[in-house]
């Protein structure tokens, strides 16, 4: 029975929702690994910060709160990923919320000059948010029974 329900759900799930679900799960894994790397300085995880050393410095400066923040982000991303995968309305709502917060943060960083490279995330976030709010996607999640 489980197998049949899973297959039916997968057959009707839009492909981009599947991709976003995977994207959120990847984000959950990366934010969790980042939180571990802050807990275990000078470990083998340290090399992940080569991509954005300034982020490591900024996060390290706020101490244990950075670990709390990254762990919270990880939990929300994983929840959104699972919810999108299952076609649950709550997953859609969490995903919309996460993308909206990220978009606001990117716009703020660009306007204030804190992180000019965040400009790259603005159109990407806007497109993802527009897709999640499209009629087709909202209709898909409105048929959800809250799985």
Protein backbone atom coordinates (compact mmCIF):
# COMPACT_ATOMS: atom_id res chain seq x y z
CA UNK A 1 0.00 0.00 0.00
CA UNK A 2 2.78 2.46 0.90
CA UNK A 3 4.56 1.76 -2.36
CA UNK A 4 1.44 2.39 -4.41
CA UNK A 5 0.68 5.70 -2.65
CA UNK A 6 4.28 6.87 -3.03
CA UNK A 7 4.28 6.04 -6.75
CA UNK A 8 0.97 7.78 -7.33
CA UNK A 9 2.18 10.86 -5.47
CA UNK A 10 5.41 10.91 -7.47
CA UNK A 11 3.56 10.54 -10.77
CA UNK A 12 1.51 13.68 -10.19
CA UNK A 13 4.19 15.84 -8.57
CA UNK A 14 5.48 18.55 -10.93
CA UNK A 15 9.12 17.98 -11.89
CA UNK A 16 10.22 21.35 -10.59
CA UNK A 17 8.67 20.57 -7.20
CA UNK A 18 10.78 17.39 -7.16
CA UNK A 19 13.86 19.46 -8.00
CA UNK A 20 13.05 22.02 -5.29
CA UNK A 21 12.56 19.24 -2.78
CA UNK A 22 16.03 17.92 -3.58
CA UNK A 23 17.40 21.48 -3.46
CA UNK A 24 15.97 22.00 0.04
CA UNK A 25 17.38 18.66 1.24
CA UNK A 26 20.80 19.67 -0.11
CA UNK A 27 20.46 23.00 1.71
CA UNK A 28 19.58 21.14 4.91
CA UNK A 29 22.68 18.97 4.61
CA UNK A 30 24.99 21.90 3.84
CA UNK A 31 23.71 24.09 6.67
CA UNK A 32 24.03 21.17 9.08
CA UNK A 33 27.60 20.50 7.95
CA UNK A 34 28.36 24.22 8.31
CA UNK A 35 27.03 24.19 11.86
CA UNK A 36 29.20 21.16 12.65
CA UNK A 37 32.24 22.89 11.19
CA UNK A 38 31.66 25.83 13.53
CA UNK A 39 31.38 23.45 16.47
CA UNK A 40 34.56 21.64 15.44
CA UNK A 41 37.02 24.33 14.34
CA UNK A 42 40.20 23.18 12.58
CA UNK A 43 38.61 19.85 11.65
CA UNK A 44 38.39 18.23 8.23
CA UNK A 45 35.19 20.24 7.70
CA UNK A 46 37.16 23.50 7.68
CA UNK A 47 37.84 23.26 3.95
CA UNK A 48 34.19 23.91 3.11
CA UNK A 49 34.70 27.56 4.02
CA UNK A 50 37.08 28.14 1.11
CA UNK A 51 34.03 29.01 -0.97
CA UNK A 52 33.09 31.88 1.35
CA UNK A 53 35.72 32.61 4.02
CA UNK A 54 34.03 35.88 4.99
CA UNK A 55 30.91 33.93 5.99
CA UNK A 56 32.99 31.77 8.31
CA UNK A 57 34.51 34.82 9.97
CA UNK A 58 31.12 36.51 10.36
CA UNK A 59 29.41 33.38 11.68
CA UNK A 60 32.27 32.51 14.01
CA UNK A 61 32.07 36.00 15.52
CA UNK A 62 28.56 35.34 16.88
CA UNK A 63 29.64 32.14 18.59
CA UNK A 64 27.18 29.43 19.55
CA UNK A 65 24.29 31.43 18.09
CA UNK A 66 25.66 30.72 14.61
CA UNK A 67 25.38 27.00 15.31
CA UNK A 68 21.81 27.49 16.55
CA UNK A 69 20.95 29.55 13.47
CA UNK A 70 22.45 27.07 10.99
CA UNK A 71 20.84 24.10 12.74
CA UNK A 72 17.48 25.88 12.64
CA UNK A 73 17.93 26.59 8.92
CA UNK A 74 18.82 22.93 8.41
CA UNK A 75 15.67 21.74 10.17
CA UNK A 76 13.44 24.12 8.21
CA UNK A 77 15.06 23.19 4.89
CA UNK A 78 14.67 19.47 5.60
CA UNK A 79 11.05 20.00 6.62
CA UNK A 80 10.33 21.96 3.44
CA UNK A 81 12.07 19.32 1.32
CA UNK A 82 10.05 16.47 2.83
CA UNK A 83 6.84 18.47 2.64
CA UNK A 84 7.36 19.35 -1.03
CA UNK A 85 8.24 15.73 -1.82
CA UNK A 86 5.04 14.52 -0.16
CA UNK A 87 2.90 17.21 -1.79
CA UNK A 88 1.86 18.59 1.60
CA UNK A 89 0.47 22.09 1.95
CA UNK A 90 2.60 22.71 5.02
CA UNK A 91 5.71 21.88 2.97
CA UNK A 92 4.66 24.40 0.34
CA UNK A 93 4.09 27.08 2.98
CA UNK A 94 7.46 26.47 4.62
CA UNK A 95 9.21 26.52 1.24
CA UNK A 96 7.53 29.81 0.29
CA UNK A 97 8.50 31.28 3.65
CA UNK A 98 12.13 30.19 3.35
CA UNK A 99 12.51 31.50 -0.20
CA UNK A 100 10.81 34.80 0.76
CA UNK A 101 13.10 35.30 3.77
CA UNK A 102 16.15 34.48 1.64
CA UNK A 103 15.01 36.90 -1.06
CA UNK A 104 14.50 39.69 1.48
CA UNK A 105 17.95 38.98 2.95
CA UNK A 106 19.58 39.07 -0.49
CA UNK A 107 17.90 42.36 -1.40
CA UNK A 108 18.87 43.84 1.98
CA UNK A 109 22.49 42.71 1.61
CA UNK A 110 22.72 44.27 -1.84
CA UNK A 111 21.06 47.56 -0.87
CA UNK A 112 23.17 47.98 2.27
CA UNK A 113 26.33 46.92 0.44
CA UNK A 114 27.01 44.14 2.95
CA UNK A 115 27.31 41.43 0.32
CA UNK A 116 27.14 42.79 -3.25
CA UNK A 117 27.42 39.26 -4.68
CA UNK A 118 23.97 38.53 -3.21
CA UNK A 119 22.57 40.22 -6.33
CA UNK A 120 22.90 36.83 -8.04
CA UNK A 121 20.35 35.34 -5.64
CA UNK A 122 17.72 38.04 -6.18
CA UNK A 123 16.43 36.98 -9.62
CA UNK A 124 16.82 33.29 -8.74
CA UNK A 125 14.81 33.70 -5.54
CA UNK A 126 12.20 35.80 -7.35
CA UNK A 127 11.73 33.17 -10.06
CA UNK A 128 11.47 30.33 -7.52
CA UNK A 129 8.98 32.32 -5.44
CA UNK A 130 6.92 33.18 -8.52
CA UNK A 131 6.87 29.50 -9.50
CA UNK A 132 5.83 28.38 -6.01
CA UNK A 133 3.03 30.95 -6.05
CA UNK A 134 1.83 30.05 -9.55
CA UNK A 135 -1.70 28.77 -10.02
CA UNK A 136 -0.50 25.36 -11.22
CA UNK A 137 1.65 24.79 -8.14
CA UNK A 138 -0.93 26.14 -5.68
CA UNK A 139 -3.53 23.86 -7.28
CA UNK A 140 -1.23 20.86 -6.83
CA UNK A 141 -0.81 21.61 -3.13
CA UNK A 142 -4.49 22.46 -2.62
CA UNK A 143 -5.32 18.85 -3.56
CA UNK A 144 -3.07 17.67 -0.76
CA UNK A 145 -4.69 15.87 2.12
CA UNK A 146 -1.99 17.17 4.47
CA UNK A 147 0.19 14.08 4.16
